[in-house]
Amino acid sequence: MSISSSNSDYFELLSGHLKAMYCIDFDDTGYTKEEWLAQFGELELDDAIEEYAQKYALIPLNEVTTVSSCEFNLQSV
């Protein structure tokens, strides 16, 4: 998959998926666009998110029953 750091559609979609699944957005990952692409750019979007989530032990929102789950994941990053 060939994605450039100027591909705003990819990063908007990435942020949306991260927000829906883990209550964080791309800015919360701590990666620059270039760093993200170097680490995860060869993966499909869902696979990249899954690998990132595993690396930082994020808990999906659907597995958390408390309202404070967003705060929990932000502290994990």
Protein backbone atom coordinates (compact mmCIF):
# COMPACT_ATOMS: atom_id res chain seq x y z
CA MET A 1 0.00 0.00 0.00
CA SER A 2 1.46 3.35 -1.00
CA ILE A 3 0.42 6.15 1.35
CA SER A 4 2.12 9.52 1.66
CA SER A 5 2.14 11.81 4.67
CA SER A 6 0.17 14.33 2.60
CA ASN A 7 -2.74 11.87 2.27
CA SER A 8 -5.17 13.68 4.57
CA ASP A 9 -8.01 11.26 3.74
CA TYR A 10 -6.00 8.33 5.16
CA PHE A 11 -5.17 10.17 8.39
CA GLU A 12 -8.76 11.42 8.81
CA LEU A 13 -10.01 7.87 8.37
CA LEU A 14 -7.33 6.60 10.76
CA SER A 15 -8.36 9.17 13.38
CA GLY A 16 -12.01 8.22 12.98
CA HIS A 17 -11.29 4.52 13.45
CA LEU A 18 -9.04 5.16 16.45
CA LYS A 19 -11.70 7.38 18.02
CA ALA A 20 -14.45 4.81 17.48
CA MET A 21 -12.40 1.86 18.71
CA TYR A 22 -10.15 3.36 21.41
CA CYS A 23 -11.39 6.92 22.07
CA ILE A 24 -8.14 8.46 20.82
CA ASP A 25 -7.31 10.19 17.55
CA PHE A 26 -4.16 10.26 15.46
CA ASP A 27 -2.69 13.20 17.38
CA ASP A 28 -2.96 11.14 20.58
CA THR A 29 -0.73 8.39 19.15
CA GLY A 30 2.41 10.48 19.58
CA TYR A 31 3.53 9.65 16.05
CA THR A 32 4.20 12.09 13.24
CA LYS A 33 2.62 11.13 9.94
CA GLU A 34 6.03 10.08 8.65
CA GLU A 35 6.72 7.93 11.73
CA TRP A 36 3.31 6.27 11.49
CA LEU A 37 3.87 5.43 7.84
CA ALA A 38 7.37 4.08 8.52
CA GLN A 39 5.98 1.82 11.26
CA PHE A 40 2.55 0.88 9.91
CA GLY A 41 2.29 2.21 6.35
CA GLU A 42 2.61 -1.16 4.65
CA LEU A 43 -0.36 -2.56 6.57
CA GLU A 44 -4.04 -2.23 5.78
CA LEU A 45 -5.67 0.42 7.97
CA ASP A 46 -7.40 -2.04 10.32
CA ASP A 47 -4.23 -4.13 10.66
CA ALA A 48 -2.17 -1.00 11.40
CA ILE A 49 -4.61 0.04 14.12
CA GLU A 50 -4.61 -3.46 15.61
CA GLU A 51 -0.81 -3.59 15.67
CA TYR A 52 -0.61 -0.13 17.25
CA ALA A 53 -3.22 -1.09 19.86
CA GLN A 54 -1.34 -4.28 20.73
CA LYS A 55 1.96 -2.42 20.99
CA TYR A 56 0.49 -0.03 23.55
CA ALA A 57 -1.95 -2.47 25.20
CA LEU A 58 -5.03 -0.40 24.35
CA ILE A 59 -8.37 -1.81 25.39
CA PRO A 60 -11.17 -1.51 22.81
CA LEU A 61 -14.14 0.52 23.98
CA ASN A 62 -16.45 -2.43 23.41
CA GLU A 63 -14.53 -4.34 26.11
CA VAL A 64 -14.73 -1.55 28.67
CA THR A 65 -17.92 -0.84 30.56
CA THR A 66 -17.01 2.40 32.31
CA VAL A 67 -17.45 5.94 31.04
CA SER A 68 -13.84 6.70 31.91
CA SER A 69 -12.50 4.31 29.25
CA CYS A 70 -11.33 7.24 27.11
CA GLU A 71 -9.24 8.54 29.97
CA PHE A 72 -7.85 5.05 30.62
CA ASN A 73 -6.63 4.61 27.04
CA LEU A 74 -5.15 8.12 26.90
CA GLN A 75 -3.08 7.28 29.97
CA SER A 76 -1.88 4.07 28.28
CA VAL A 77 -0.39 5.84 25.25
